Amino acid sequence: MTTGTNRIMDEFAKLMTDAAGAAQGVRKEIETAFNAQAERWLNSMDVVKREEFEAVREMAIKARDENEALAARIAALEARLAGEGH
């Protein structure tokens, strides 16, 4: 009887292993489908990607820094011109 019970348990374990593998495959398939749908939805909304946002952000920071430097140069030149005028 022990052999029969062991065989049943082995078959049950194999069945559970196969079921777990199938469930894992289904989970990956659902995840892939969800990600594809989410990407399509975001693209239809014209949402920018993180990389694009960061690139534009860096450009804006650089432009602001250059603007501040130019404003300081203009102020210095204006002060110099005002000093020469008197």
PDB file of N, CA and C in Angstrom:
ATOM      1  N   MET A   1       0.820  -1.197   0.000  1.00  0.00           N
ATOM      2  CA  MET A   1       0.000   0.000   0.000  1.00  0.00           C
ATOM      3  C   MET A   1       0.863   1.259   0.000  1.00  0.00           C
ATOM      4  N   THR A   2       2.010   1.182   0.631  1.00  0.00           N
ATOM      5  CA  THR A   2       2.900   2.329   0.674  1.00  0.00           C
ATOM      6  C   THR A   2       3.371   2.697  -0.724  1.00  0.00           C
ATOM      7  N   THR A   3       3.636   1.701  -1.564  1.00  0.00           N
ATOM      8  CA  THR A   3       4.081   1.962  -2.928  1.00  0.00           C
ATOM      9  C   THR A   3       2.986   2.682  -3.704  1.00  0.00           C
ATOM     10  N   GLY A   4       1.762   2.255  -3.538  1.00  0.00           N
ATOM     11  CA  GLY A   4       0.637   2.902  -4.213  1.00  0.00           C
ATOM     12  C   GLY A   4       0.462   4.330  -3.742  1.00  0.00           C
ATOM     13  N   THR A   5       0.593   4.539  -2.449  1.00  0.00           N
ATOM     14  CA  THR A   5       0.463   5.882  -1.887  1.00  0.00           C
ATOM     15  C   THR A   5       1.591   6.779  -2.385  1.00  0.00           C
ATOM     16  N   ASN A   6       2.814   6.236  -2.412  1.00  0.00           N
ATOM     17  CA  ASN A   6       3.957   7.012  -2.905  1.00  0.00           C
ATOM     18  C   ASN A   6       3.763   7.383  -4.369  1.00  0.00           C
ATOM     19  N   ARG A   7       3.251   6.444  -5.150  1.00  0.00           N
ATOM     20  CA  ARG A   7       3.040   6.710  -6.567  1.00  0.00           C
ATOM     21  C   ARG A   7       1.985   7.805  -6.752  1.00  0.00           C
ATOM     22  N   ILE A   8       0.935   7.740  -5.969  1.00  0.00           N
ATOM     23  CA  ILE A   8      -0.109   8.765  -6.039  1.00  0.00           C
ATOM     24  C   ILE A   8       0.466  10.124  -5.639  1.00  0.00           C
ATOM     25  N   MET A   9       1.270  10.141  -4.579  1.00  0.00           N
ATOM     26  CA  MET A   9       1.883  11.392  -4.129  1.00  0.00           C
ATOM     27  C   MET A   9       2.853  11.923  -5.183  1.00  0.00           C
ATOM     28  N   ASP A  10       3.624  11.026  -5.819  1.00  0.00           N
ATOM     29  CA  ASP A  10       4.544  11.444  -6.882  1.00  0.00           C
ATOM     30  C   ASP A  10       3.774  12.036  -8.052  1.00  0.00           C
ATOM     31  N   GLU A  11       2.687  11.401  -8.434  1.00  0.00           N
ATOM     32  CA  GLU A  11       1.865  11.905  -9.537  1.00  0.00           C
ATOM     33  C   GLU A  11       1.247  13.258  -9.175  1.00  0.00           C
ATOM     34  N   PHE A  12       0.805  13.366  -7.923  1.00  0.00           N
ATOM     35  CA  PHE A  12       0.226  14.627  -7.466  1.00  0.00           C
ATOM     36  C   PHE A  12       1.283  15.742  -7.472  1.00  0.00           C
ATOM     37  N   ALA A  13       2.482  15.430  -7.004  1.00  0.00           N
ATOM     38  CA  ALA A  13       3.567  16.413  -6.990  1.00  0.00           C
ATOM     39  C   ALA A  13       3.913  16.844  -8.414  1.00  0.00           C
ATOM     40  N   LYS A  14       3.951  15.889  -9.340  1.00  0.00           N
ATOM     41  CA  LYS A  14       4.240  16.207 -10.739  1.00  0.00           C
ATOM     42  C   LYS A  14       3.139  17.100 -11.306  1.00  0.00           C
ATOM     43  N   LEU A  15       1.906  16.779 -10.997  1.00  0.00           N
ATOM     44  CA  LEU A  15       0.778  17.576 -11.460  1.00  0.00           C
ATOM     45  C   LEU A  15       0.863  19.005 -10.921  1.00  0.00           C
ATOM     46  N   MET A  16       1.203  19.154  -9.654  1.00  0.00           N
ATOM     47  CA  MET A  16       1.326  20.483  -9.047  1.00  0.00           C
ATOM     48  C   MET A  16       2.490  21.260  -9.668  1.00  0.00           C
ATOM     49  N   THR A  17       3.598  20.573  -9.940  1.00  0.00           N
ATOM     50  CA  THR A  17       4.743  21.221 -10.577  1.00  0.00           C
ATOM     51  C   THR A  17       4.371  21.709 -11.969  1.00  0.00           C
ATOM     52  N   ASP A  18       3.680  20.862 -12.723  1.00  0.00           N
ATOM     53  CA  ASP A  18       3.233  21.254 -14.061  1.00  0.00           C
ATOM     54  C   ASP A  18       2.259  22.432 -13.990  1.00  0.00           C
ATOM     55  N   ALA A  19       1.359  22.398 -13.019  1.00  0.00           N
ATOM     56  CA  ALA A  19       0.387  23.481 -12.862  1.00  0.00           C
ATOM     57  C   ALA A  19       1.093  24.786 -12.499  1.00  0.00           C
ATOM     58  N   ALA A  20       2.099  24.701 -11.640  1.00  0.00           N
ATOM     59  CA  ALA A  20       2.848  25.897 -11.251  1.00  0.00           C
ATOM     60  C   ALA A  20       3.590  26.469 -12.456  1.00  0.00           C
ATOM     61  N   GLY A  21       4.161  25.601 -13.272  1.00  0.00           N
ATOM     62  CA  GLY A  21       4.851  26.056 -14.480  1.00  0.00           C
ATOM     63  C   GLY A  21       3.892  26.720 -15.445  1.00  0.00           C
ATOM     64  N   ALA A  22       2.719  26.132 -15.607  1.00  0.00           N
ATOM     65  CA  ALA A  22       1.712  26.711 -16.498  1.00  0.00           C
ATOM     66  C   ALA A  22       1.238  28.060 -15.967  1.00  0.00           C
ATOM     67  N   ALA A  23       1.040  28.147 -14.660  1.00  0.00           N
ATOM     68  CA  ALA A  23       0.603  29.408 -14.052  1.00  0.00           C
ATOM     69  C   ALA A  23       1.670  30.485 -14.242  1.00  0.00           C
ATOM     70  N   GLN A  24       2.929  30.104 -14.121  1.00  0.00           N
ATOM     71  CA  GLN A  24       4.030  31.053 -14.326  1.00  0.00           C
ATOM     72  C   GLN A  24       4.024  31.557 -15.768  1.00  0.00           C
ATOM     73  N   GLY A  25       3.807  30.661 -16.708  1.00  0.00           N
ATOM     74  CA  GLY A  25       3.745  31.046 -18.117  1.00  0.00           C
ATOM     75  C   GLY A  25       2.590  31.988 -18.394  1.00  0.00           C
ATOM     76  N   VAL A  26       1.440  31.694 -17.809  1.00  0.00           N
ATOM     77  CA  VAL A  26       0.263  32.553 -17.986  1.00  0.00           C
ATOM     78  C   VAL A  26       0.522  33.924 -17.367  1.00  0.00           C
ATOM     79  N   ARG A  27       1.149  33.944 -16.208  1.00  0.00           N
ATOM     80  CA  ARG A  27       1.459  35.211 -15.543  1.00  0.00           C
ATOM     81  C   ARG A  27       2.368  36.067 -16.423  1.00  0.00           C
ATOM     82  N   LYS A  28       3.403  35.460 -17.004  1.00  0.00           N
ATOM     83  CA  LYS A  28       4.314  36.218 -17.869  1.00  0.00           C
ATOM     84  C   LYS A  28       3.590  36.714 -19.116  1.00  0.00           C
ATOM     85  N   GLU A  29       2.710  35.898 -19.656  1.00  0.00           N
ATOM     86  CA  GLU A  29       1.955  36.290 -20.846  1.00  0.00           C
ATOM     87  C   GLU A  29       1.032  37.473 -20.538  1.00  0.00           C
ATOM     88  N   ILE A  30       0.359  37.415 -19.400  1.00  0.00           N
ATOM     89  CA  ILE A  30      -0.529  38.509 -18.987  1.00  0.00           C
ATOM     90  C   ILE A  30       0.282  39.779 -18.734  1.00  0.00           C
ATOM     91  N   GLU A  31       1.423  39.629 -18.081  1.00  0.00           N
ATOM     92  CA  GLU A  31       2.274  40.780 -17.793  1.00  0.00           C
ATOM     93  C   GLU A  31       2.760  41.438 -19.087  1.00  0.00           C
ATOM     94  N   THR A  32       3.161  40.637 -20.049  1.00  0.00           N
ATOM     95  CA  THR A  32       3.610  41.165 -21.340  1.00  0.00           C
ATOM     96  C   THR A  32       2.476  41.894 -22.051  1.00  0.00           C
ATOM     97  N   ALA A  33       1.295  41.292 -22.050  1.00  0.00           N
ATOM     98  CA  ALA A  33       0.139  41.919 -22.702  1.00  0.00           C
ATOM     99  C   ALA A  33      -0.226  43.229 -22.005  1.00  0.00           C
ATOM    100  N   PHE A  34      -0.189  43.230 -20.684  1.00  0.00           N
ATOM    101  CA  PHE A  34      -0.509  44.441 -19.927  1.00  0.00           C
ATOM    102  C   PHE A  34       0.494  45.552 -20.229  1.00  0.00           C
ATOM    103  N   ASN A  35       1.788  45.203 -20.227  1.00  0.00           N
ATOM    104  CA  ASN A  35       2.817  46.208 -20.509  1.00  0.00           C
ATOM    105  C   ASN A  35       2.664  46.783 -21.914  1.00  0.00           C
ATOM    106  N   ALA A  36       2.356  45.930 -22.877  1.00  0.00           N
ATOM    107  CA  ALA A  36       2.166  46.402 -24.253  1.00  0.00           C
ATOM    108  C   ALA A  36       0.963  47.341 -24.333  1.00  0.00           C
ATOM    109  N   GLN A  37      -0.124  46.979 -23.672  1.00  0.00           N
ATOM    110  CA  GLN A  37      -1.322  47.825 -23.678  1.00  0.00           C
ATOM    111  C   GLN A  37      -1.052  49.150 -22.968  1.00  0.00           C
ATOM    112  N   ALA A  38      -0.350  49.100 -21.848  1.00  0.00           N
ATOM    113  CA  ALA A  38      -0.027  50.327 -21.113  1.00  0.00           C
ATOM    114  C   ALA A  38       0.849  51.242 -21.964  1.00  0.00           C
ATOM    115  N   GLU A  39       1.813  50.666 -22.678  1.00  0.00           N
ATOM    116  CA  GLU A  39       2.679  51.476 -23.540  1.00  0.00           C
ATOM    117  C   GLU A  39       1.879  52.106 -24.679  1.00  0.00           C
ATOM    118  N   ARG A  40       0.961  51.339 -25.274  1.00  0.00           N
ATOM    119  CA  ARG A  40       0.112  51.897 -26.335  1.00  0.00           C
ATOM    120  C   ARG A  40      -0.730  53.046 -25.791  1.00  0.00           C
ATOM    121  N   TRP A  41      -1.284  52.849 -24.605  1.00  0.00           N
ATOM    122  CA  TRP A  41      -2.126  53.876 -23.995  1.00  0.00           C
ATOM    123  C   TRP A  41      -1.312  55.144 -23.714  1.00  0.00           C
ATOM    124  N   LEU A  42      -0.117  54.980 -23.146  1.00  0.00           N
ATOM    125  CA  LEU A  42       0.723  56.141 -22.852  1.00  0.00           C
ATOM    126  C   LEU A  42       1.147  56.849 -24.133  1.00  0.00           C
ATOM    127  N   ASN A  43       1.456  56.089 -25.173  1.00  0.00           N
ATOM    128  CA  ASN A  43       1.830  56.701 -26.450  1.00  0.00           C
ATOM    129  C   ASN A  43       0.665  57.485 -27.042  1.00  0.00           C
ATOM    130  N   SER A  44      -0.547  56.981 -26.872  1.00  0.00           N
ATOM    131  CA  SER A  44      -1.713  57.692 -27.405  1.00  0.00           C
ATOM    132  C   SER A  44      -1.988  58.977 -26.622  1.00  0.00           C
ATOM    133  N   MET A  45      -1.505  59.040 -25.408  1.00  0.00           N
ATOM    134  CA  MET A  45      -1.700  60.224 -24.564  1.00  0.00           C
ATOM    135  C   MET A  45      -0.574  61.244 -24.764  1.00  0.00           C
ATOM    136  N   ASP A  46       0.385  60.952 -25.620  1.00  0.00           N
ATOM    137  CA  ASP A  46       1.543  61.820 -25.858  1.00  0.00           C
ATOM    138  C   ASP A  46       2.322  62.100 -24.574  1.00  0.00           C
ATOM    139  N   VAL A  47       2.468  61.097 -23.737  1.00  0.00           N
ATOM    140  CA  VAL A  47       3.250  61.214 -22.514  1.00  0.00           C
ATOM    141  C   VAL A  47       4.718  61.004 -22.880  1.00  0.00           C
ATOM    142  N   VAL A  48       5.591  61.895 -22.396  1.00  0.00           N
ATOM    143  CA  VAL A  48       7.008  61.760 -22.723  1.00  0.00           C
ATOM    144  C   VAL A  48       7.650  60.674 -21.871  1.00  0.00           C
ATOM    145  N   LYS A  49       8.673  60.064 -22.438  1.00  0.00           N
ATOM    146  CA  LYS A  49       9.415  59.050 -21.694  1.00  0.00           C
ATOM    147  C   LYS A  49      10.339  59.746 -20.703  1.00  0.00           C
ATOM    148  N   ARG A  50      10.707  59.034 -19.680  1.00  0.00           N
ATOM    149  CA  ARG A  50      11.559  59.578 -18.621  1.00  0.00           C
ATOM    150  C   ARG A  50      12.881  60.103 -19.188  1.00  0.00           C
ATOM    151  N   GLU A  51      13.470  59.349 -20.120  1.00  0.00           N
ATOM    152  CA  GLU A  51      14.748  59.751 -20.703  1.00  0.00           C
ATOM    153  C   GLU A  51      14.609  61.084 -21.444  1.00  0.00           C
ATOM    154  N   GLU A  52      13.510  61.231 -22.187  1.00  0.00           N
ATOM    155  CA  GLU A  52      13.277  62.478 -22.920  1.00  0.00           C
ATOM    156  C   GLU A  52      13.084  63.640 -21.954  1.00  0.00           C
ATOM    157  N   PHE A  53      12.336  63.388 -20.886  1.00  0.00           N
ATOM    158  CA  PHE A  53      12.102  64.423 -19.883  1.00  0.00           C
ATOM    159  C   PHE A  53      13.418  64.863 -19.256  1.00  0.00           C
ATOM    160  N   GLU A  54      14.261  63.901 -18.888  1.00  0.00           N
ATOM    161  CA  GLU A  54      15.539  64.223 -18.252  1.00  0.00           C
ATOM    162  C   GLU A  54      16.439  65.010 -19.203  1.00  0.00           C
ATOM    163  N   ALA A  55      16.426  64.661 -20.495  1.00  0.00           N
ATOM    164  CA  ALA A  55      17.252  65.381 -21.473  1.00  0.00           C
ATOM    165  C   ALA A  55      16.808  66.836 -21.576  1.00  0.00           C
ATOM    166  N   VAL A  56      15.510  67.063 -21.663  1.00  0.00           N
ATOM    167  CA  VAL A  56      14.992  68.435 -21.752  1.00  0.00           C
ATOM    168  C   VAL A  56      15.247  69.183 -20.447  1.00  0.00           C
ATOM    169  N   ARG A  57      15.137  68.488 -19.337  1.00  0.00           N
ATOM    170  CA  ARG A  57      15.400  69.104 -18.030  1.00  0.00           C
ATOM    171  C   ARG A  57      16.844  69.594 -17.955  1.00  0.00           C
ATOM    172  N   GLU A  58      17.782  68.760 -18.399  1.00  0.00           N
ATOM    173  CA  GLU A  58      19.192  69.150 -18.401  1.00  0.00           C
ATOM    174  C   GLU A  58      19.427  70.352 -19.316  1.00  0.00           C
ATOM    175  N   MET A  59      18.764  70.368 -20.465  1.00  0.00           N
ATOM    176  CA  MET A  59      18.890  71.508 -21.382  1.00  0.00           C
ATOM    177  C   MET A  59      18.374  72.782 -20.722  1.00  0.00           C
ATOM    178  N   ALA A  60      17.261  72.681 -20.006  1.00  0.00           N
ATOM    179  CA  ALA A  60      16.681  73.846 -19.334  1.00  0.00           C
ATOM    180  C   ALA A  60      17.604  74.351 -18.225  1.00  0.00           C
ATOM    181  N   ILE A  61      18.200  73.435 -17.481  1.00  0.00           N
ATOM    182  CA  ILE A  61      19.131  73.834 -16.416  1.00  0.00           C
ATOM    183  C   ILE A  61      20.334  74.557 -17.019  1.00  0.00           C
ATOM    184  N   LYS A  62      20.870  74.004 -18.110  1.00  0.00           N
ATOM    185  CA  LYS A  62      22.018  74.633 -18.773  1.00  0.00           C
ATOM    186  C   LYS A  62      21.646  76.020 -19.299  1.00  0.00           C
ATOM    187  N   ALA A  63      20.467  76.143 -19.913  1.00  0.00           N
ATOM    188  CA  ALA A  63      20.020  77.434 -20.441  1.00  0.00           C
ATOM    189  C   ALA A  63      19.842  78.444 -19.312  1.00  0.00           C
ATOM    190  N   ARG A  64      19.291  78.003 -18.189  1.00  0.00           N
ATOM    191  CA  ARG A  64      19.113  78.908 -17.047  1.00  0.00           C
ATOM    192  C   ARG A  64      20.464  79.383 -16.516  1.00  0.00           C
ATOM    193  N   ASP A  65      21.418  78.452 -16.403  1.00  0.00           N
ATOM    194  CA  ASP A  65      22.751  78.826 -15.924  1.00  0.00           C
ATOM    195  C   ASP A  65      23.417  79.825 -16.872  1.00  0.00           C
ATOM    196  N   GLU A  66      23.291  79.575 -18.176  1.00  0.00           N
ATOM    197  CA  GLU A  66      23.859  80.501 -19.159  1.00  0.00           C
ATOM    198  C   GLU A  66      23.171  81.863 -19.081  1.00  0.00           C
ATOM    199  N   ASN A  67      21.862  81.858 -18.887  1.00  0.00           N
ATOM    200  CA  ASN A  67      21.104  83.108 -18.766  1.00  0.00           C
ATOM    201  C   ASN A  67      21.570  83.906 -17.549  1.00  0.00           C
ATOM    202  N   GLU A  68      21.772  83.225 -16.435  1.00  0.00           N
ATOM    203  CA  GLU A  68      22.239  83.905 -15.225  1.00  0.00           C
ATOM    204  C   GLU A  68      23.636  84.482 -15.435  1.00  0.00           C
ATOM    205  N   ALA A  69      24.504  83.724 -16.112  1.00  0.00           N
ATOM    206  CA  ALA A  69      25.865  84.209 -16.377  1.00  0.00           C
ATOM    207  C   ALA A  69      25.830  85.430 -17.294  1.00  0.00           C
ATOM    208  N   LEU A  70      24.997  85.378 -18.319  1.00  0.00           N
ATOM    209  CA  LEU A  70      24.880  86.519 -19.234  1.00  0.00           C
ATOM    210  C   LEU A  70      24.295  87.740 -18.525  1.00  0.00           C
ATOM    211  N   ALA A  71      23.321  87.530 -17.662  1.00  0.00           N
ATOM    212  CA  ALA A  71      22.732  88.644 -16.907  1.00  0.00           C
ATOM    213  C   ALA A  71      23.789  89.296 -16.022  1.00  0.00           C
ATOM    214  N   ALA A  72      24.654  88.485 -15.419  1.00  0.00           N
ATOM    215  CA  ALA A  72      25.719  89.033 -14.578  1.00  0.00           C
ATOM    216  C   ALA A  72      26.711  89.830 -15.425  1.00  0.00           C
ATOM    217  N   ARG A  73      27.054  89.327 -16.604  1.00  0.00           N
ATOM    218  CA  ARG A  73      27.971  90.052 -17.495  1.00  0.00           C
ATOM    219  C   ARG A  73      27.362  91.381 -17.938  1.00  0.00           C
ATOM    220  N   ILE A  74      26.079  91.363 -18.285  1.00  0.00           N
ATOM    221  CA  ILE A  74      25.401  92.598 -18.705  1.00  0.00           C
ATOM    222  C   ILE A  74      25.392  93.609 -17.565  1.00  0.00           C
ATOM    223  N   ALA A  75      25.093  93.142 -16.366  1.00  0.00           N
ATOM    224  CA  ALA A  75      25.074  94.042 -15.209  1.00  0.00           C
ATOM    225  C   ALA A  75      26.456  94.643 -14.981  1.00  0.00           C
ATOM    226  N   ALA A  76      27.497  93.832 -15.127  1.00  0.00           N
ATOM    227  CA  ALA A  76      28.861  94.337 -14.944  1.00  0.00           C
ATOM    228  C   ALA A  76      29.207  95.356 -16.026  1.00  0.00           C
ATOM    229  N   LEU A  77      28.836  95.076 -17.265  1.00  0.00           N
ATOM    230  CA  LEU A  77      29.106  96.017 -18.359  1.00  0.00           C
ATOM    231  C   LEU A  77      28.331  97.317 -18.177  1.00  0.00           C
ATOM    232  N   GLU A  78      27.077  97.223 -17.756  1.00  0.00           N
ATOM    233  CA  GLU A  78      26.277  98.427 -17.518  1.00  0.00           C
ATOM    234  C   GLU A  78      26.882  99.265 -16.395  1.00  0.00           C
ATOM    235  N   ALA A  79      27.355  98.584 -15.354  1.00  0.00           N
ATOM    236  CA  ALA A  79      27.974  99.306 -14.237  1.00  0.00           C
ATOM    237  C   ALA A  79      29.250  99.992 -14.711  1.00  0.00           C
ATOM    238  N   ARG A  80      30.012  99.295 -15.539  1.00  0.00           N
ATOM    239  CA  ARG A  80      31.249  99.876 -16.068  1.00  0.00           C
ATOM    240  C   ARG A  80      30.953 101.095 -16.955  1.00  0.00           C
ATOM    241  N   LEU A  81      29.940 100.967 -17.806  1.00  0.00           N
ATOM    242  CA  LEU A  81      29.553 102.086 -18.674  1.00  0.00           C
ATOM    243  C   LEU A  81      29.034 103.266 -17.859  1.00  0.00           C
ATOM    244  N   ALA A  82      28.281 102.970 -16.824  1.00  0.00           N
ATOM    245  CA  ALA A  82      27.745 104.037 -15.972  1.00  0.00           C
ATOM    246  C   ALA A  82      28.881 104.742 -15.247  1.00  0.00           C
ATOM    247  N   GLY A  83      29.902 103.998 -14.855  1.00  0.00           N
ATOM    248  CA  GLY A  83      31.058 104.588 -14.171  1.00  0.00           C
ATOM    249  C   GLY A  83      31.892 105.436 -15.103  1.00  0.00           C
ATOM    250  N   GLU A  84      31.976 105.055 -16.356  1.00  0.00           N
ATOM    251  CA  GLU A  84      32.750 105.822 -17.329  1.00  0.00           C
ATOM    252  C   GLU A  84      32.011 107.089 -17.741  1.00  0.00           C
ATOM    253  N   GLY A  85      30.714 107.062 -17.668  1.00  0.00           N
ATOM    254  CA  GLY A  85      29.910 108.205 -18.092  1.00  0.00           C
ATOM    255  C   GLY A  85      29.989 109.372 -17.139  1.00  0.00           C
ATOM    256  N   HIS A  86      30.335 109.136 -15.909  1.00  0.00           N
ATOM    257  CA  HIS A  86      30.364 110.234 -14.923  1.00  0.00           C
ATOM    258  C   HIS A  86      31.659 110.904 -14.880  1.00  0.00           C
TER     259      HIS A  86
END
